[in-house]
Amino acid sequence: MAVDSYLELYNAAAVPIATSDDDGRGFCSAIDGTGSNPFNPTAHNLPAGNYYLTVQSSPLADAAATLFDYRLSVVVPFSHFR
């Protein structure tokens, strides 16, 4: 099954923090704020709080790639737990 996703990460005030279109494998999107040199620096070292993520098909996707299952993985640093 083809996947052509588009991600948008928002803060609690619904302000966009990061977007991704085809930054993962193939046409799959990924927002990565981990590591000392993150791929998406605006998603790096975010303060504790509420964040929202939209997952949708890319505006550039062909019809066969607009319906897909998407596996979401979220990394929460240990320092955010009390």
PDB file of N, CA and C in Angstrom:
ATOM      1  N   MET A   1       0.837  -1.181   0.000  1.00  0.00           N
ATOM      2  CA  MET A   1       0.000   0.000   0.000  1.00  0.00           C
ATOM      3  C   MET A   1       0.886   1.250   0.000  1.00  0.00           C
ATOM      4  N   ALA A   2       0.601   2.181  -0.851  1.00  0.00           N
ATOM      5  CA  ALA A   2       1.350   3.431  -0.929  1.00  0.00           C
ATOM      6  C   ALA A   2       0.921   4.368   0.196  1.00  0.00           C
ATOM      7  N   VAL A   3       1.869   5.120   0.702  1.00  0.00           N
ATOM      8  CA  VAL A   3       1.593   6.129   1.718  1.00  0.00           C
ATOM      9  C   VAL A   3       2.219   7.430   1.254  1.00  0.00           C
ATOM     10  N   ASP A   4       1.447   8.493   1.258  1.00  0.00           N
ATOM     11  CA  ASP A   4       1.967   9.830   0.984  1.00  0.00           C
ATOM     12  C   ASP A   4       1.323  10.765   1.993  1.00  0.00           C
ATOM     13  N   SER A   5       1.973  10.883   3.146  1.00  0.00           N
ATOM     14  CA  SER A   5       1.386  11.617   4.264  1.00  0.00           C
ATOM     15  C   SER A   5       1.933  13.035   4.381  1.00  0.00           C
ATOM     16  N   TYR A   6       1.239  13.823   5.191  1.00  0.00           N
ATOM     17  CA  TYR A   6       1.629  15.190   5.510  1.00  0.00           C
ATOM     18  C   TYR A   6       1.323  15.412   6.983  1.00  0.00           C
ATOM     19  N   LEU A   7       2.316  15.856   7.761  1.00  0.00           N
ATOM     20  CA  LEU A   7       2.150  16.066   9.205  1.00  0.00           C
ATOM     21  C   LEU A   7       2.262  17.539   9.542  1.00  0.00           C
ATOM     22  N   GLU A   8       1.475  17.951  10.539  1.00  0.00           N
ATOM     23  CA  GLU A   8       1.603  19.294  11.099  1.00  0.00           C
ATOM     24  C   GLU A   8       1.561  19.169  12.617  1.00  0.00           C
ATOM     25  N   LEU A   9       2.560  19.727  13.296  1.00  0.00           N
ATOM     26  CA  LEU A   9       2.641  19.732  14.757  1.00  0.00           C
ATOM     27  C   LEU A   9       2.327  21.137  15.246  1.00  0.00           C
ATOM     28  N   TYR A  10       1.398  21.222  16.214  1.00  0.00           N
ATOM     29  CA  TYR A  10       0.946  22.509  16.755  1.00  0.00           C
ATOM     30  C   TYR A  10       1.171  22.561  18.258  1.00  0.00           C
ATOM     31  N   ASN A  11       1.381  23.769  18.790  1.00  0.00           N
ATOM     32  CA  ASN A  11       1.427  23.928  20.240  1.00  0.00           C
ATOM     33  C   ASN A  11      -0.004  24.090  20.765  1.00  0.00           C
ATOM     34  N   ALA A  12      -0.139  24.306  22.075  1.00  0.00           N
ATOM     35  CA  ALA A  12      -1.463  24.383  22.702  1.00  0.00           C
ATOM     36  C   ALA A  12      -2.301  25.551  22.181  1.00  0.00           C
ATOM     37  N   ALA A  13      -1.651  26.589  21.657  1.00  0.00           N
ATOM     38  CA  ALA A  13      -2.363  27.745  21.111  1.00  0.00           C
ATOM     39  C   ALA A  13      -2.686  27.559  19.627  1.00  0.00           C
ATOM     40  N   ALA A  14      -2.498  26.347  19.116  1.00  0.00           N
ATOM     41  CA  ALA A  14      -2.763  26.002  17.711  1.00  0.00           C
ATOM     42  C   ALA A  14      -1.845  26.728  16.735  1.00  0.00           C
ATOM     43  N   VAL A  15      -0.652  27.083  17.200  1.00  0.00           N
ATOM     44  CA  VAL A  15       0.360  27.701  16.342  1.00  0.00           C
ATOM     45  C   VAL A  15       1.231  26.575  15.776  1.00  0.00           C
ATOM     46  N   PRO A  16       1.403  26.527  14.457  1.00  0.00           N
ATOM     47  CA  PRO A  16       2.236  25.466  13.873  1.00  0.00           C
ATOM     48  C   PRO A  16       3.685  25.553  14.356  1.00  0.00           C
ATOM     49  N   ILE A  17       4.228  24.393  14.727  1.00  0.00           N
ATOM     50  CA  ILE A  17       5.620  24.302  15.179  1.00  0.00           C
ATOM     51  C   ILE A  17       6.484  23.677  14.091  1.00  0.00           C
ATOM     52  N   ALA A  18       5.972  22.627  13.452  1.00  0.00           N
ATOM     53  CA  ALA A  18       6.743  21.914  12.422  1.00  0.00           C
ATOM     54  C   ALA A  18       5.783  21.242  11.456  1.00  0.00           C
ATOM     55  N   THR A  19       6.235  21.084  10.223  1.00  0.00           N
ATOM     56  CA  THR A  19       5.473  20.349   9.215  1.00  0.00           C
ATOM     57  C   THR A  19       6.402  19.368   8.516  1.00  0.00           C
ATOM     58  N   SER A  20       5.817  18.372   7.899  1.00  0.00           N
ATOM     59  CA  SER A  20       6.609  17.398   7.163  1.00  0.00           C
ATOM     60  C   SER A  20       5.810  16.849   5.992  1.00  0.00           C
ATOM     61  N   ASP A  21       6.423  16.841   4.848  1.00  0.00           N
ATOM     62  CA  ASP A  21       5.876  16.195   3.662  1.00  0.00           C
ATOM     63  C   ASP A  21       7.024  15.414   3.030  1.00  0.00           C
ATOM     64  N   ASP A  22       7.006  14.110   3.211  1.00  0.00           N
ATOM     65  CA  ASP A  22       8.008  13.210   2.625  1.00  0.00           C
ATOM     66  C   ASP A  22       9.368  13.251   3.321  1.00  0.00           C
ATOM     67  N   ASP A  23       9.424  13.590   4.605  1.00  0.00           N
ATOM     68  CA  ASP A  23      10.704  13.611   5.316  1.00  0.00           C
ATOM     69  C   ASP A  23      11.083  12.254   5.899  1.00  0.00           C
ATOM     70  N   GLY A  24      10.173  11.278   5.845  1.00  0.00           N
ATOM     71  CA  GLY A  24      10.461   9.932   6.339  1.00  0.00           C
ATOM     72  C   GLY A  24      10.850   9.015   5.197  1.00  0.00           C
ATOM     73  N   ARG A  25      10.564   7.730   5.361  1.00  0.00           N
ATOM     74  CA  ARG A  25      10.860   6.757   4.295  1.00  0.00           C
ATOM     75  C   ARG A  25       9.910   6.938   3.124  1.00  0.00           C
ATOM     76  N   GLY A  26      10.445   6.958   1.935  1.00  0.00           N
ATOM     77  CA  GLY A  26       9.605   7.108   0.748  1.00  0.00           C
ATOM     78  C   GLY A  26       8.842   8.417   0.800  1.00  0.00           C
ATOM     79  N   PHE A  27       7.525   8.329   0.667  1.00  0.00           N
ATOM     80  CA  PHE A  27       6.673   9.513   0.750  1.00  0.00           C
ATOM     81  C   PHE A  27       6.012   9.636   2.117  1.00  0.00           C
ATOM     82  N   CYS A  28       6.480   8.850   3.087  1.00  0.00           N
ATOM     83  CA  CYS A  28       5.948   8.910   4.447  1.00  0.00           C
ATOM     84  C   CYS A  28       6.586  10.084   5.186  1.00  0.00           C
ATOM     85  N   SER A  29       5.814  10.811   5.945  1.00  0.00           N
ATOM     86  CA  SER A  29       6.314  11.983   6.649  1.00  0.00           C
ATOM     87  C   SER A  29       6.831  11.621   8.030  1.00  0.00           C
ATOM     88  N   ALA A  30       7.723  12.461   8.553  1.00  0.00           N
ATOM     89  CA  ALA A  30       8.259  12.279   9.902  1.00  0.00           C
ATOM     90  C   ALA A  30       8.694  13.627  10.437  1.00  0.00           C
ATOM     91  N   ILE A  31       8.374  13.887  11.686  1.00  0.00           N
ATOM     92  CA  ILE A  31       8.887  15.068  12.386  1.00  0.00           C
ATOM     93  C   ILE A  31       9.797  14.533  13.477  1.00  0.00           C
ATOM     94  N   ASP A  32      11.067  14.901  13.418  1.00  0.00           N
ATOM     95  CA  ASP A  32      12.057  14.374  14.354  1.00  0.00           C
ATOM     96  C   ASP A  32      12.798  15.522  15.022  1.00  0.00           C
ATOM     97  N   GLY A  33      12.532  15.711  16.305  1.00  0.00           N
ATOM     98  CA  GLY A  33      13.196  16.753  17.079  1.00  0.00           C
ATOM     99  C   GLY A  33      14.211  16.194  18.055  1.00  0.00           C
ATOM    100  N   THR A  34      14.631  14.941  17.849  1.00  0.00           N
ATOM    101  CA  THR A  34      15.558  14.300  18.790  1.00  0.00           C
ATOM    102  C   THR A  34      17.003  14.507  18.377  1.00  0.00           C
ATOM    103  N   GLY A  35      17.906  14.277  19.337  1.00  0.00           N
ATOM    104  CA  GLY A  35      19.341  14.327  19.075  1.00  0.00           C
ATOM    105  C   GLY A  35      19.925  15.722  19.213  1.00  0.00           C
ATOM    106  N   SER A  36      21.240  15.784  19.085  1.00  0.00           N
ATOM    107  CA  SER A  36      21.928  17.066  19.252  1.00  0.00           C
ATOM    108  C   SER A  36      21.828  17.940  17.998  1.00  0.00           C
ATOM    109  N   ASN A  37      21.522  17.335  16.853  1.00  0.00           N
ATOM    110  CA  ASN A  37      21.334  18.078  15.615  1.00  0.00           C
ATOM    111  C   ASN A  37      20.035  17.586  14.969  1.00  0.00           C
ATOM    112  N   PRO A  38      18.867  17.962  15.543  1.00  0.00           N
ATOM    113  CA  PRO A  38      17.594  17.404  15.076  1.00  0.00           C
ATOM    114  C   PRO A  38      17.240  17.811  13.657  1.00  0.00           C
ATOM    115  N   PHE A  39      16.556  16.892  12.977  1.00  0.00           N
ATOM    116  CA  PHE A  39      16.080  17.159  11.624  1.00  0.00           C
ATOM    117  C   PHE A  39      15.076  18.317  11.629  1.00  0.00           C
ATOM    118  N   ASN A  40      14.230  18.377  12.668  1.00  0.00           N
ATOM    119  CA  ASN A  40      13.254  19.468  12.827  1.00  0.00           C
ATOM    120  C   ASN A  40      13.576  20.221  14.117  1.00  0.00           C
ATOM    121  N   PRO A  41      14.457  21.210  14.079  1.00  0.00           N
ATOM    122  CA  PRO A  41      14.876  21.920  15.286  1.00  0.00           C
ATOM    123  C   PRO A  41      13.726  22.574  16.056  1.00  0.00           C
ATOM    124  N   THR A  42      12.653  22.957  15.367  1.00  0.00           N
ATOM    125  CA  THR A  42      11.533  23.603  16.060  1.00  0.00           C
ATOM    126  C   THR A  42      10.734  22.600  16.906  1.00  0.00           C
ATOM    127  N   ALA A  43      10.982  21.307  16.716  1.00  0.00           N
ATOM    128  CA  ALA A  43      10.328  20.267  17.521  1.00  0.00           C
ATOM    129  C   ALA A  43      11.283  19.711  18.573  1.00  0.00           C
ATOM    130  N   HIS A  44      12.430  20.351  18.764  1.00  0.00           N
ATOM    131  CA  HIS A  44      13.462  19.889  19.702  1.00  0.00           C
ATOM    132  C   HIS A  44      13.303  20.550  21.067  1.00  0.00           C
ATOM    133  N   ASN A  45      13.432  19.733  22.110  1.00  0.00           N
ATOM    134  CA  ASN A  45      13.479  20.242  23.482  1.00  0.00           C
ATOM    135  C   ASN A  45      12.260  21.103  23.819  1.00  0.00           C
ATOM    136  N   LEU A  46      11.088  20.645  23.431  1.00  0.00           N
ATOM    137  CA  LEU A  46       9.858  21.392  23.696  1.00  0.00           C
ATOM    138  C   LEU A  46       9.528  21.337  25.184  1.00  0.00           C
ATOM    139  N   PRO A  47       9.003  22.428  25.737  1.00  0.00           N
ATOM    140  CA  PRO A  47       8.598  22.400  27.140  1.00  0.00           C
ATOM    141  C   PRO A  47       7.387  21.487  27.337  1.00  0.00           C
ATOM    142  N   ALA A  48       7.211  21.021  28.563  1.00  0.00           N
ATOM    143  CA  ALA A  48       6.046  20.198  28.881  1.00  0.00           C
ATOM    144  C   ALA A  48       4.778  20.977  28.538  1.00  0.00           C
ATOM    145  N   GLY A  49       3.777  20.284  28.059  1.00  0.00           N
ATOM    146  CA  GLY A  49       2.527  20.939  27.700  1.00  0.00           C
ATOM    147  C   GLY A  49       1.731  20.094  26.736  1.00  0.00           C
ATOM    148  N   ASN A  50       0.700  20.678  26.189  1.00  0.00           N
ATOM    149  CA  ASN A  50      -0.156  19.994  25.216  1.00  0.00           C
ATOM    150  C   ASN A  50       0.290  20.361  23.810  1.00  0.00           C
ATOM    151  N   TYR A  51       0.349  19.349  22.966  1.00  0.00           N
ATOM    152  CA  TYR A  51       0.693  19.529  21.566  1.00  0.00           C
ATOM    153  C   TYR A  51      -0.293  18.727  20.732  1.00  0.00           C
ATOM    154  N   TYR A  52      -0.502  19.139  19.507  1.00  0.00           N
ATOM    155  CA  TYR A  52      -1.456  18.487  18.628  1.00  0.00           C
ATOM    156  C   TYR A  52      -0.776  18.167  17.305  1.00  0.00           C
ATOM    157  N   LEU A  53      -1.139  17.032  16.739  1.00  0.00           N
ATOM    158  CA  LEU A  53      -0.559  16.599  15.481  1.00  0.00           C
ATOM    159  C   LEU A  53      -1.673  16.225  14.524  1.00  0.00           C
ATOM    160  N   THR A  54      -1.620  16.762  13.322  1.00  0.00           N
ATOM    161  CA  THR A  54      -2.548  16.324  12.284  1.00  0.00           C
ATOM    162  C   THR A  54      -1.790  15.419  11.330  1.00  0.00           C
ATOM    163  N   VAL A  55      -2.457  14.357  10.925  1.00  0.00           N
ATOM    164  CA  VAL A  55      -1.926  13.427   9.932  1.00  0.00           C
ATOM    165  C   VAL A  55      -2.945  13.383   8.808  1.00  0.00           C
ATOM    166  N   GLN A  56      -2.506  13.703   7.615  1.00  0.00           N
ATOM    167  CA  GLN A  56      -3.412  13.688   6.471  1.00  0.00           C
ATOM    168  C   GLN A  56      -2.632  13.273   5.231  1.00  0.00           C
ATOM    169  N   SER A  57      -3.327  13.051   4.160  1.00  0.00           N
ATOM    170  CA  SER A  57      -2.619  12.734   2.918  1.00  0.00           C
ATOM    171  C   SER A  57      -2.000  14.018   2.378  1.00  0.00           C
ATOM    172  N   SER A  58      -0.882  13.854   1.722  1.00  0.00           N
ATOM    173  CA  SER A  58      -0.186  14.994   1.145  1.00  0.00           C
ATOM    174  C   SER A  58      -1.045  15.636   0.060  1.00  0.00           C
ATOM    175  N   PRO A  59      -0.994  16.957  -0.064  1.00  0.00           N
ATOM    176  CA  PRO A  59      -1.708  17.606  -1.161  1.00  0.00           C
ATOM    177  C   PRO A  59      -1.183  17.166  -2.526  1.00  0.00           C
ATOM    178  N   LEU A  60       0.015  16.588  -2.554  1.00  0.00           N
ATOM    179  CA  LEU A  60       0.625  16.133  -3.802  1.00  0.00           C
ATOM    180  C   LEU A  60       0.387  14.652  -4.066  1.00  0.00           C
ATOM    181  N   ALA A  61      -0.337  13.970  -3.164  1.00  0.00           N
ATOM    182  CA  ALA A  61      -0.541  12.520  -3.284  1.00  0.00           C
ATOM    183  C   ALA A  61      -1.447  12.174  -4.457  1.00  0.00           C
ATOM    184  N   ASP A  62      -1.127  11.053  -5.103  1.00  0.00           N
ATOM    185  CA  ASP A  62      -2.063  10.562  -6.119  1.00  0.00           C
ATOM    186  C   ASP A  62      -3.191   9.814  -5.399  1.00  0.00           C
ATOM    187  N   ALA A  63      -4.261   9.534  -6.077  1.00  0.00           N
ATOM    188  CA  ALA A  63      -5.466   8.967  -5.457  1.00  0.00           C
ATOM    189  C   ALA A  63      -5.186   7.673  -4.705  1.00  0.00           C
ATOM    190  N   ALA A  64      -4.276   6.844  -5.182  1.00  0.00           N
ATOM    191  CA  ALA A  64      -3.979   5.562  -4.531  1.00  0.00           C
ATOM    192  C   ALA A  64      -3.244   5.743  -3.213  1.00  0.00           C
ATOM    193  N   ALA A  65      -2.669   6.903  -2.963  1.00  0.00           N
ATOM    194  CA  ALA A  65      -1.874   7.124  -1.753  1.00  0.00           C
ATOM    195  C   ALA A  65      -2.578   8.026  -0.738  1.00  0.00           C
ATOM    196  N   THR A  66      -3.881   8.229  -0.879  1.00  0.00           N
ATOM    197  CA  THR A  66      -4.583   9.136   0.028  1.00  0.00           C
ATOM    198  C   THR A  66      -5.229   8.428   1.219  1.00  0.00           C
ATOM    199  N   LEU A  67      -5.359   7.111   1.171  1.00  0.00           N
ATOM    200  CA  LEU A  67      -5.897   6.341   2.289  1.00  0.00           C
ATOM    201  C   LEU A  67      -4.822   5.391   2.777  1.00  0.00           C
ATOM    202  N   PHE A  68      -4.493   5.462   4.077  1.00  0.00           N
ATOM    203  CA  PHE A  68      -3.408   4.649   4.604  1.00  0.00           C
ATOM    204  C   PHE A  68      -3.513   4.550   6.121  1.00  0.00           C
ATOM    205  N   ASP A  69      -2.853   3.547   6.672  1.00  0.00           N
ATOM    206  CA  ASP A  69      -2.677   3.441   8.117  1.00  0.00           C
ATOM    207  C   ASP A  69      -1.374   4.145   8.447  1.00  0.00           C
ATOM    208  N   TYR A  70      -1.347   4.862   9.572  1.00  0.00           N
ATOM    209  CA  TYR A  70      -0.137   5.588   9.961  1.00  0.00           C
ATOM    210  C   TYR A  70       0.219   5.203  11.380  1.00  0.00           C
ATOM    211  N   ARG A  71       1.446   4.757  11.599  1.00  0.00           N
ATOM    212  CA  ARG A  71       1.918   4.409  12.938  1.00  0.00           C
ATOM    213  C   ARG A  71       2.657   5.605  13.510  1.00  0.00           C
ATOM    214  N   LEU A  72       2.196   6.066  14.668  1.00  0.00           N
ATOM    215  CA  LEU A  72       2.776   7.236  15.316  1.00  0.00           C
ATOM    216  C   LEU A  72       3.649   6.794  16.480  1.00  0.00           C
ATOM    217  N   SER A  73       4.845   7.314  16.537  1.00  0.00           N
ATOM    218  CA  SER A  73       5.756   7.047  17.640  1.00  0.00           C
ATOM    219  C   SER A  73       6.123   8.386  18.263  1.00  0.00           C
ATOM    220  N   VAL A  74       5.969   8.503  19.574  1.00  0.00           N
ATOM    221  CA  VAL A  74       6.256   9.745  20.287  1.00  0.00           C
ATOM    222  C   VAL A  74       7.326   9.464  21.339  1.00  0.00           C
ATOM    223  N   VAL A  75       8.342  10.306  21.387  1.00  0.00           N
ATOM    224  CA  VAL A  75       9.411  10.179  22.378  1.00  0.00           C
ATOM    225  C   VAL A  75       9.217  11.302  23.386  1.00  0.00           C
ATOM    226  N   VAL A  76       9.087  10.922  24.659  1.00  0.00           N
ATOM    227  CA  VAL A  76       8.963  11.896  25.741  1.00  0.00           C
ATOM    228  C   VAL A  76      10.206  11.746  26.619  1.00  0.00           C
ATOM    229  N   PRO A  77      11.038  12.795  26.721  1.00  0.00           N
ATOM    230  CA  PRO A  77      12.237  12.692  27.531  1.00  0.00           C
ATOM    231  C   PRO A  77      11.905  12.371  28.987  1.00  0.00           C
ATOM    232  N   PHE A  78      12.748  11.580  29.597  1.00  0.00           N
ATOM    233  CA  PHE A  78      12.550  11.174  30.986  1.00  0.00           C
ATOM    234  C   PHE A  78      12.461  12.387  31.908  1.00  0.00           C
ATOM    235  N   SER A  79      13.144  13.472  31.589  1.00  0.00           N
ATOM    236  CA  SER A  79      13.136  14.666  32.438  1.00  0.00           C
ATOM    237  C   SER A  79      11.762  15.302  32.543  1.00  0.00           C
ATOM    238  N   HIS A  80      10.818  14.942  31.665  1.00  0.00           N
ATOM    239  CA  HIS A  80       9.465  15.506  31.720  1.00  0.00           C
ATOM    240  C   HIS A  80       8.571  14.773  32.719  1.00  0.00           C
ATOM    241  N   PHE A  81       9.054  13.660  33.233  1.00  0.00           N
ATOM    242  CA  PHE A  81       8.269  12.906  34.221  1.00  0.00           C
ATOM    243  C   PHE A  81       8.683  13.332  35.620  1.00  0.00           C
ATOM    244  N   ARG A  82       7.728  13.428  36.510  1.00  0.00           N
ATOM    245  CA  ARG A  82       8.058  13.828  37.894  1.00  0.00           C
ATOM    246  C   ARG A  82       7.685  12.731  38.836  1.00  0.00           C
TER     247      ARG A  82
END
